[in-house]
Amino acid sequence: MARTWQLQEAKNRLSEVVDEALTHGPQIITRRGIETAIVLSYAEYQRLALSRVGISTFFRESPLAAAAEDLDLARDSSPPRPDIAL
């Protein structure tokens, strides 16, 4: 279970914050009552980092990928609009 630490308390008890992250999961650190950082174990970080998918893979595997084949991406060849006198 994530525990919330005030920044000053986390600085004073960093070793305990790290131990809690290793045994009980991510630890939330607040500054002036606003959640600003998280301490998590390296194993948890690796799990999150390895589960990331590249943007090209994301779009290629999207259910909307088949609909993209129907898009008309040809450039409009009509002449530009005439200048407007201001």
PDB file of N, CA and C in Angstrom:
ATOM      1  N   MET A   1       0.847  -1.174   0.000  1.00  0.00           N
ATOM      2  CA  MET A   1       0.000   0.000   0.000  1.00  0.00           C
ATOM      3  C   MET A   1       0.892   1.235   0.000  1.00  0.00           C
ATOM      4  N   ALA A   2       0.592   2.171  -0.873  1.00  0.00           N
ATOM      5  CA  ALA A   2       1.387   3.392  -0.972  1.00  0.00           C
ATOM      6  C   ALA A   2       1.167   4.264   0.260  1.00  0.00           C
ATOM      7  N   ARG A   3       2.256   4.803   0.740  1.00  0.00           N
ATOM      8  CA  ARG A   3       2.200   5.714   1.874  1.00  0.00           C
ATOM      9  C   ARG A   3       2.577   7.102   1.368  1.00  0.00           C
ATOM     10  N   THR A   4       2.024   8.113   1.971  1.00  0.00           N
ATOM     11  CA  THR A   4       2.332   9.480   1.591  1.00  0.00           C
ATOM     12  C   THR A   4       3.289  10.084   2.611  1.00  0.00           C
ATOM     13  N   TRP A   5       4.350  10.718   2.106  1.00  0.00           N
ATOM     14  CA  TRP A   5       5.375  11.336   2.938  1.00  0.00           C
ATOM     15  C   TRP A   5       5.474  12.810   2.578  1.00  0.00           C
ATOM     16  N   GLN A   6       5.608  13.661   3.572  1.00  0.00           N
ATOM     17  CA  GLN A   6       5.936  15.054   3.313  1.00  0.00           C
ATOM     18  C   GLN A   6       7.405  15.103   2.916  1.00  0.00           C
ATOM     19  N   LEU A   7       7.763  16.022   2.063  1.00  0.00           N
ATOM     20  CA  LEU A   7       9.127  16.085   1.539  1.00  0.00           C
ATOM     21  C   LEU A   7      10.176  16.125   2.653  1.00  0.00           C
ATOM     22  N   GLN A   8       9.989  16.980   3.621  1.00  0.00           N
ATOM     23  CA  GLN A   8      10.979  17.095   4.701  1.00  0.00           C
ATOM     24  C   GLN A   8      11.117  15.776   5.462  1.00  0.00           C
ATOM     25  N   GLU A   9       9.992  15.118   5.722  1.00  0.00           N
ATOM     26  CA  GLU A   9      10.028  13.830   6.416  1.00  0.00           C
ATOM     27  C   GLU A   9      10.737  12.782   5.559  1.00  0.00           C
ATOM     28  N   ALA A  10      10.465  12.792   4.250  1.00  0.00           N
ATOM     29  CA  ALA A  10      11.102  11.829   3.344  1.00  0.00           C
ATOM     30  C   ALA A  10      12.611  12.053   3.288  1.00  0.00           C
ATOM     31  N   LYS A  11      13.035  13.312   3.298  1.00  0.00           N
ATOM     32  CA  LYS A  11      14.473  13.602   3.297  1.00  0.00           C
ATOM     33  C   LYS A  11      15.122  13.101   4.579  1.00  0.00           C
ATOM     34  N   ASN A  12      14.465  13.316   5.707  1.00  0.00           N
ATOM     35  CA  ASN A  12      15.025  12.896   6.990  1.00  0.00           C
ATOM     36  C   ASN A  12      15.032  11.378   7.165  1.00  0.00           C
ATOM     37  N   ARG A  13      14.107  10.705   6.489  1.00  0.00           N
ATOM     38  CA  ARG A  13      13.955   9.253   6.678  1.00  0.00           C
ATOM     39  C   ARG A  13      14.062   8.512   5.344  1.00  0.00           C
ATOM     40  N   LEU A  14      14.987   8.953   4.491  1.00  0.00           N
ATOM     41  CA  LEU A  14      15.104   8.395   3.147  1.00  0.00           C
ATOM     42  C   LEU A  14      15.279   6.885   3.155  1.00  0.00           C
ATOM     43  N   SER A  15      16.102   6.380   4.042  1.00  0.00           N
ATOM     44  CA  SER A  15      16.325   4.936   4.109  1.00  0.00           C
ATOM     45  C   SER A  15      15.012   4.194   4.354  1.00  0.00           C
ATOM     46  N   GLU A  16      14.183   4.722   5.236  1.00  0.00           N
ATOM     47  CA  GLU A  16      12.895   4.094   5.520  1.00  0.00           C
ATOM     48  C   GLU A  16      11.950   4.197   4.322  1.00  0.00           C
ATOM     49  N   VAL A  17      11.987   5.321   3.631  1.00  0.00           N
ATOM     50  CA  VAL A  17      11.148   5.485   2.433  1.00  0.00           C
ATOM     51  C   VAL A  17      11.530   4.431   1.394  1.00  0.00           C
ATOM     52  N   VAL A  18      12.828   4.241   1.188  1.00  0.00           N
ATOM     53  CA  VAL A  18      13.296   3.235   0.221  1.00  0.00           C
ATOM     54  C   VAL A  18      12.891   1.842   0.663  1.00  0.00           C
ATOM     55  N   ASP A  19      13.067   1.520   1.940  1.00  0.00           N
ATOM     56  CA  ASP A  19      12.661   0.201   2.447  1.00  0.00           C
ATOM     57  C   ASP A  19      11.167  -0.037   2.230  1.00  0.00           C
ATOM     58  N   GLU A  20      10.366   0.986   2.484  1.00  0.00           N
ATOM     59  CA  GLU A  20       8.916   0.861   2.274  1.00  0.00           C
ATOM     60  C   GLU A  20       8.604   0.650   0.789  1.00  0.00           C
ATOM     61  N   ALA A  21       9.324   1.316  -0.084  1.00  0.00           N
ATOM     62  CA  ALA A  21       9.106   1.136  -1.527  1.00  0.00           C
ATOM     63  C   ALA A  21       9.449  -0.286  -1.950  1.00  0.00           C
ATOM     64  N   LEU A  22      10.478  -0.848  -1.345  1.00  0.00           N
ATOM     65  CA  LEU A  22      10.874  -2.214  -1.682  1.00  0.00           C
ATOM     66  C   LEU A  22       9.877  -3.247  -1.178  1.00  0.00           C
ATOM     67  N   THR A  23       9.291  -3.008  -0.002  1.00  0.00           N
ATOM     68  CA  THR A  23       8.412  -4.016   0.588  1.00  0.00           C
ATOM     69  C   THR A  23       6.926  -3.775   0.344  1.00  0.00           C
ATOM     70  N   HIS A  24       6.509  -2.525   0.272  1.00  0.00           N
ATOM     71  CA  HIS A  24       5.079  -2.230   0.178  1.00  0.00           C
ATOM     72  C   HIS A  24       4.656  -1.484  -1.086  1.00  0.00           C
ATOM     73  N   GLY A  25       5.583  -1.233  -1.994  1.00  0.00           N
ATOM     74  CA  GLY A  25       5.217  -0.569  -3.237  1.00  0.00           C
ATOM     75  C   GLY A  25       5.551   0.913  -3.235  1.00  0.00           C
ATOM     76  N   PRO A  26       5.164   1.605  -4.285  1.00  0.00           N
ATOM     77  CA  PRO A  26       5.521   3.012  -4.468  1.00  0.00           C
ATOM     78  C   PRO A  26       5.133   3.885  -3.276  1.00  0.00           C
ATOM     79  N   GLN A  27       6.001   4.856  -2.987  1.00  0.00           N
ATOM     80  CA  GLN A  27       5.795   5.793  -1.885  1.00  0.00           C
ATOM     81  C   GLN A  27       5.621   7.196  -2.475  1.00  0.00           C
ATOM     82  N   ILE A  28       4.569   7.871  -2.089  1.00  0.00           N
ATOM     83  CA  ILE A  28       4.247   9.187  -2.629  1.00  0.00           C
ATOM     84  C   ILE A  28       4.876  10.267  -1.766  1.00  0.00           C
ATOM     85  N   ILE A  29       5.505  11.242  -2.408  1.00  0.00           N
ATOM     86  CA  ILE A  29       6.106  12.365  -1.693  1.00  0.00           C
ATOM     87  C   ILE A  29       5.358  13.634  -2.075  1.00  0.00           C
ATOM     88  N   THR A  30       4.990  14.416  -1.057  1.00  0.00           N
ATOM     89  CA  THR A  30       4.252  15.655  -1.292  1.00  0.00           C
ATOM     90  C   THR A  30       5.112  16.854  -0.912  1.00  0.00           C
ATOM     91  N   ARG A  31       4.855  17.950  -1.587  1.00  0.00           N
ATOM     92  CA  ARG A  31       5.470  19.231  -1.247  1.00  0.00           C
ATOM     93  C   ARG A  31       4.339  20.235  -1.122  1.00  0.00           C
ATOM     94  N   ARG A  32       4.225  20.834   0.053  1.00  0.00           N
ATOM     95  CA  ARG A  32       3.154  21.781   0.362  1.00  0.00           C
ATOM     96  C   ARG A  32       1.765  21.164   0.091  1.00  0.00           C
ATOM     97  N   GLY A  33       1.644  19.884   0.393  1.00  0.00           N
ATOM     98  CA  GLY A  33       0.366  19.192   0.264  1.00  0.00           C
ATOM     99  C   GLY A  33       0.040  18.700  -1.133  1.00  0.00           C
ATOM    100  N   ILE A  34       0.929  18.927  -2.094  1.00  0.00           N
ATOM    101  CA  ILE A  34       0.693  18.506  -3.481  1.00  0.00           C
ATOM    102  C   ILE A  34       1.594  17.319  -3.803  1.00  0.00           C
ATOM    103  N   GLU A  35       1.012  16.251  -4.346  1.00  0.00           N
ATOM    104  CA  GLU A  35       1.791  15.066  -4.719  1.00  0.00           C
ATOM    105  C   GLU A  35       2.763  15.455  -5.826  1.00  0.00           C
ATOM    106  N   THR A  36       4.073  15.273  -5.577  1.00  0.00           N
ATOM    107  CA  THR A  36       5.069  15.742  -6.530  1.00  0.00           C
ATOM    108  C   THR A  36       6.017  14.667  -7.031  1.00  0.00           C
ATOM    109  N   ALA A  37       6.202  13.593  -6.277  1.00  0.00           N
ATOM    110  CA  ALA A  37       7.168  12.568  -6.683  1.00  0.00           C
ATOM    111  C   ALA A  37       6.766  11.215  -6.119  1.00  0.00           C
ATOM    112  N   ILE A  38       7.367  10.177  -6.699  1.00  0.00           N
ATOM    113  CA  ILE A  38       7.128   8.815  -6.225  1.00  0.00           C
ATOM    114  C   ILE A  38       8.470   8.107  -6.134  1.00  0.00           C
ATOM    115  N   VAL A  39       8.668   7.376  -5.057  1.00  0.00           N
ATOM    116  CA  VAL A  39       9.834   6.510  -4.904  1.00  0.00           C
ATOM    117  C   VAL A  39       9.327   5.093  -5.116  1.00  0.00           C
ATOM    118  N   LEU A  40       9.956   4.378  -6.060  1.00  0.00           N
ATOM    119  CA  LEU A  40       9.558   3.000  -6.292  1.00  0.00           C
ATOM    120  C   LEU A  40      10.793   2.140  -6.452  1.00  0.00           C
ATOM    121  N   SER A  41      10.624   0.854  -6.276  1.00  0.00           N
ATOM    122  CA  SER A  41      11.759  -0.062  -6.381  1.00  0.00           C
ATOM    123  C   SER A  41      12.240  -0.108  -7.832  1.00  0.00           C
ATOM    124  N   TYR A  42      13.511  -0.472  -7.994  1.00  0.00           N
ATOM    125  CA  TYR A  42      14.068  -0.564  -9.338  1.00  0.00           C
ATOM    126  C   TYR A  42      13.351  -1.649 -10.143  1.00  0.00           C
ATOM    127  N   ALA A  43      12.977  -2.730  -9.503  1.00  0.00           N
ATOM    128  CA  ALA A  43      12.255  -3.805 -10.194  1.00  0.00           C
ATOM    129  C   ALA A  43      10.916  -3.295 -10.733  1.00  0.00           C
ATOM    130  N   GLU A  44      10.214  -2.493  -9.939  1.00  0.00           N
ATOM    131  CA  GLU A  44       8.942  -1.925 -10.383  1.00  0.00           C
ATOM    132  C   GLU A  44       9.164  -0.958 -11.537  1.00  0.00           C
ATOM    133  N   TYR A  45      10.218  -0.161 -11.453  1.00  0.00           N
ATOM    134  CA  TYR A  45      10.553   0.769 -12.534  1.00  0.00           C
ATOM    135  C   TYR A  45      10.821   0.013 -13.826  1.00  0.00           C
ATOM    136  N   GLN A  46      11.624  -1.060 -13.747  1.00  0.00           N
ATOM    137  CA  GLN A  46      11.919  -1.853 -14.949  1.00  0.00           C
ATOM    138  C   GLN A  46      10.652  -2.450 -15.541  1.00  0.00           C
ATOM    139  N   ARG A  47       9.768  -2.951 -14.700  1.00  0.00           N
ATOM    140  CA  ARG A  47       8.521  -3.531 -15.187  1.00  0.00           C
ATOM    141  C   ARG A  47       7.720  -2.484 -15.956  1.00  0.00           C
ATOM    142  N   LEU A  48       7.649  -1.270 -15.413  1.00  0.00           N
ATOM    143  CA  LEU A  48       6.911  -0.200 -16.083  1.00  0.00           C
ATOM    144  C   LEU A  48       7.597   0.239 -17.375  1.00  0.00           C
ATOM    145  N   ALA A  49       8.922   0.342 -17.347  1.00  0.00           N
ATOM    146  CA  ALA A  49       9.666   0.812 -18.515  1.00  0.00           C
ATOM    147  C   ALA A  49       9.600  -0.192 -19.657  1.00  0.00           C
ATOM    148  N   LEU A  50       9.643  -1.477 -19.349  1.00  0.00           N
ATOM    149  CA  LEU A  50       9.626  -2.500 -20.393  1.00  0.00           C
ATOM    150  C   LEU A  50       8.239  -2.692 -20.991  1.00  0.00           C
ATOM    151  N   SER A  51       7.210  -2.264 -20.282  1.00  0.00           N
ATOM    152  CA  SER A  51       5.858  -2.461 -20.800  1.00  0.00           C
ATOM    153  C   SER A  51       5.446  -1.342 -21.755  1.00  0.00           C
ATOM    154  N   ARG A  52       6.317  -0.364 -21.950  1.00  0.00           N
ATOM    155  CA  ARG A  52       6.000   0.743 -22.852  1.00  0.00           C
ATOM    156  C   ARG A  52       6.026   0.275 -24.298  1.00  0.00           C
ATOM    157  N   VAL A  53       5.130   0.817 -25.096  1.00  0.00           N
ATOM    158  CA  VAL A  53       5.038   0.477 -26.513  1.00  0.00           C
ATOM    159  C   VAL A  53       5.381   1.725 -27.302  1.00  0.00           C
ATOM    160  N   GLY A  54       6.172   1.566 -28.353  1.00  0.00           N
ATOM    161  CA  GLY A  54       6.512   2.697 -29.212  1.00  0.00           C
ATOM    162  C   GLY A  54       5.284   3.255 -29.896  1.00  0.00           C
ATOM    163  N   ILE A  55       5.333   4.515 -30.262  1.00  0.00           N
ATOM    164  CA  ILE A  55       4.157   5.158 -30.853  1.00  0.00           C
ATOM    165  C   ILE A  55       3.801   4.548 -32.200  1.00  0.00           C
ATOM    166  N   SER A  56       4.806   4.147 -32.984  1.00  0.00           N
ATOM    167  CA  SER A  56       4.493   3.536 -34.282  1.00  0.00           C
ATOM    168  C   SER A  56       3.789   2.198 -34.084  1.00  0.00           C
ATOM    169  N   THR A  57       4.212   1.421 -33.093  1.00  0.00           N
ATOM    170  CA  THR A  57       3.542   0.155 -32.790  1.00  0.00           C
ATOM    171  C   THR A  57       2.128   0.409 -32.295  1.00  0.00           C
ATOM    172  N   PHE A  58       1.964   1.422 -31.454  1.00  0.00           N
ATOM    173  CA  PHE A  58       0.647   1.767 -30.940  1.00  0.00           C
ATOM    174  C   PHE A  58      -0.318   2.056 -32.087  1.00  0.00           C
ATOM    175  N   PHE A  59       0.098   2.885 -33.048  1.00  0.00           N
ATOM    176  CA  PHE A  59      -0.790   3.223 -34.158  1.00  0.00           C
ATOM    177  C   PHE A  59      -1.006   2.031 -35.099  1.00  0.00           C
ATOM    178  N   ARG A  60       0.035   1.228 -35.297  1.00  0.00           N
ATOM    179  CA  ARG A  60      -0.089   0.075 -36.178  1.00  0.00           C
ATOM    180  C   ARG A  60      -1.077  -0.949 -35.612  1.00  0.00           C
ATOM    181  N   GLU A  61      -1.112  -1.087 -34.274  1.00  0.00           N
ATOM    182  CA  GLU A  61      -1.981  -2.072 -33.636  1.00  0.00           C
ATOM    183  C   GLU A  61      -3.337  -1.495 -33.231  1.00  0.00           C
ATOM    184  N   SER A  62      -3.557  -0.238 -33.509  1.00  0.00           N
ATOM    185  CA  SER A  62      -4.803   0.415 -33.151  1.00  0.00           C
ATOM    186  C   SER A  62      -5.966  -0.173 -33.942  1.00  0.00           C
ATOM    187  N   PRO A  63      -7.151  -0.268 -33.333  1.00  0.00           N
ATOM    188  CA  PRO A  63      -8.316  -0.745 -34.087  1.00  0.00           C
ATOM    189  C   PRO A  63      -8.700   0.214 -35.207  1.00  0.00           C
ATOM    190  N   LEU A  64      -8.215   1.432 -35.152  1.00  0.00           N
ATOM    191  CA  LEU A  64      -8.522   2.406 -36.202  1.00  0.00           C
ATOM    192  C   LEU A  64      -7.564   2.314 -37.383  1.00  0.00           C
ATOM    193  N   ALA A  65      -6.558   1.441 -37.311  1.00  0.00           N
ATOM    194  CA  ALA A  65      -5.567   1.334 -38.386  1.00  0.00           C
ATOM    195  C   ALA A  65      -6.231   0.949 -39.706  1.00  0.00           C
ATOM    196  N   ALA A  66      -7.225   0.068 -39.674  1.00  0.00           N
ATOM    197  CA  ALA A  66      -7.904  -0.326 -40.916  1.00  0.00           C
ATOM    198  C   ALA A  66      -8.649   0.846 -41.522  1.00  0.00           C
ATOM    199  N   ALA A  67      -9.192   1.720 -40.694  1.00  0.00           N
ATOM    200  CA  ALA A  67      -9.911   2.884 -41.201  1.00  0.00           C
ATOM    201  C   ALA A  67      -8.961   3.872 -41.868  1.00  0.00           C
ATOM    202  N   ALA A  68      -7.696   3.866 -41.507  1.00  0.00           N
ATOM    203  CA  ALA A  68      -6.723   4.790 -42.084  1.00  0.00           C
ATOM    204  C   ALA A  68      -6.502   4.509 -43.558  1.00  0.00           C
ATOM    205  N   GLU A  69      -6.733   3.279 -43.979  1.00  0.00           N
ATOM    206  CA  GLU A  69      -6.571   2.945 -45.399  1.00  0.00           C
ATOM    207  C   GLU A  69      -7.582   3.690 -46.266  1.00  0.00           C
ATOM    208  N   ASP A  70      -8.703   4.101 -45.696  1.00  0.00           N
ATOM    209  CA  ASP A  70      -9.741   4.790 -46.444  1.00  0.00           C
ATOM    210  C   ASP A  70      -9.537   6.300 -46.496  1.00  0.00           C
ATOM    211  N   LEU A  71      -8.518   6.806 -45.817  1.00  0.00           N
ATOM    212  CA  LEU A  71      -8.283   8.242 -45.810  1.00  0.00           C
ATOM    213  C   LEU A  71      -7.695   8.702 -47.144  1.00  0.00           C
ATOM    214  N   ASP A  72      -8.178   9.825 -47.621  1.00  0.00           N
ATOM    215  CA  ASP A  72      -7.629  10.425 -48.832  1.00  0.00           C
ATOM    216  C   ASP A  72      -6.599  11.458 -48.407  1.00  0.00           C
ATOM    217  N   LEU A  73      -5.339  11.144 -48.617  1.00  0.00           N
ATOM    218  CA  LEU A  73      -4.267  12.029 -48.195  1.00  0.00           C
ATOM    219  C   LEU A  73      -3.662  12.814 -49.362  1.00  0.00           C
ATOM    220  N   ALA A  74      -4.359  12.834 -50.501  1.00  0.00           N
ATOM    221  CA  ALA A  74      -3.869  13.575 -51.664  1.00  0.00           C
ATOM    222  C   ALA A  74      -3.959  15.071 -51.389  1.00  0.00           C
ATOM    223  N   ARG A  75      -2.977  15.803 -51.872  1.00  0.00           N
ATOM    224  CA  ARG A  75      -2.934  17.247 -51.662  1.00  0.00           C
ATOM    225  C   ARG A  75      -3.915  17.934 -52.604  1.00  0.00           C
ATOM    226  N   ASP A  76      -4.593  18.944 -52.099  1.00  0.00           N
ATOM    227  CA  ASP A  76      -5.542  19.718 -52.894  1.00  0.00           C
ATOM    228  C   ASP A  76      -4.773  20.499 -53.951  1.00  0.00           C
ATOM    229  N   SER A  77      -5.132  20.328 -55.222  1.00  0.00           N
ATOM    230  CA  SER A  77      -4.404  20.990 -56.307  1.00  0.00           C
ATOM    231  C   SER A  77      -5.098  22.252 -56.814  1.00  0.00           C
ATOM    232  N   SER A  78      -6.150  22.692 -56.141  1.00  0.00           N
ATOM    233  CA  SER A  78      -6.834  23.911 -56.576  1.00  0.00           C
ATOM    234  C   SER A  78      -5.928  25.116 -56.313  1.00  0.00           C
ATOM    235  N   PRO A  79      -6.093  26.192 -57.131  1.00  0.00           N
ATOM    236  CA  PRO A  79      -5.227  27.354 -56.958  1.00  0.00           C
ATOM    237  C   PRO A  79      -5.470  28.031 -55.599  1.00  0.00           C
ATOM    238  N   PRO A  80      -4.463  28.763 -55.124  1.00  0.00           N
ATOM    239  CA  PRO A  80      -4.636  29.442 -53.836  1.00  0.00           C
ATOM    240  C   PRO A  80      -5.685  30.537 -53.918  1.00  0.00           C
ATOM    241  N   ARG A  81      -6.183  30.937 -52.779  1.00  0.00           N
ATOM    242  CA  ARG A  81      -7.178  32.008 -52.743  1.00  0.00           C
ATOM    243  C   ARG A  81      -6.509  33.322 -53.164  1.00  0.00           C
ATOM    244  N   PRO A  82      -7.291  34.212 -53.773  1.00  0.00           N
ATOM    245  CA  PRO A  82      -6.714  35.512 -54.131  1.00  0.00           C
ATOM    246  C   PRO A  82      -6.449  36.339 -52.860  1.00  0.00           C
ATOM    247  N   ASP A  83      -5.486  37.268 -52.972  1.00  0.00           N
ATOM    248  CA  ASP A  83      -5.181  38.133 -51.847  1.00  0.00           C
ATOM    249  C   ASP A  83      -6.380  38.995 -51.501  1.00  0.00           C
ATOM    250  N   ILE A  84      -6.528  39.295 -50.246  1.00  0.00           N
ATOM    251  CA  ILE A  84      -7.621  40.144 -49.783  1.00  0.00           C
ATOM    252  C   ILE A  84      -7.045  41.492 -49.419  1.00  0.00           C
ATOM    253  N   ALA A  85      -7.610  42.538 -49.995  1.00  0.00           N
ATOM    254  CA  ALA A  85      -7.153  43.892 -49.674  1.00  0.00           C
ATOM    255  C   ALA A  85      -7.684  44.293 -48.319  1.00  0.00           C
ATOM    256  N   LEU A  86      -6.816  44.722 -47.463  1.00  0.00           N
ATOM    257  CA  LEU A  86      -7.229  45.148 -46.137  1.00  0.00           C
ATOM    258  C   LEU A  86      -7.184  46.627 -45.997  1.00  0.00           C
TER     259      LEU A  86
END
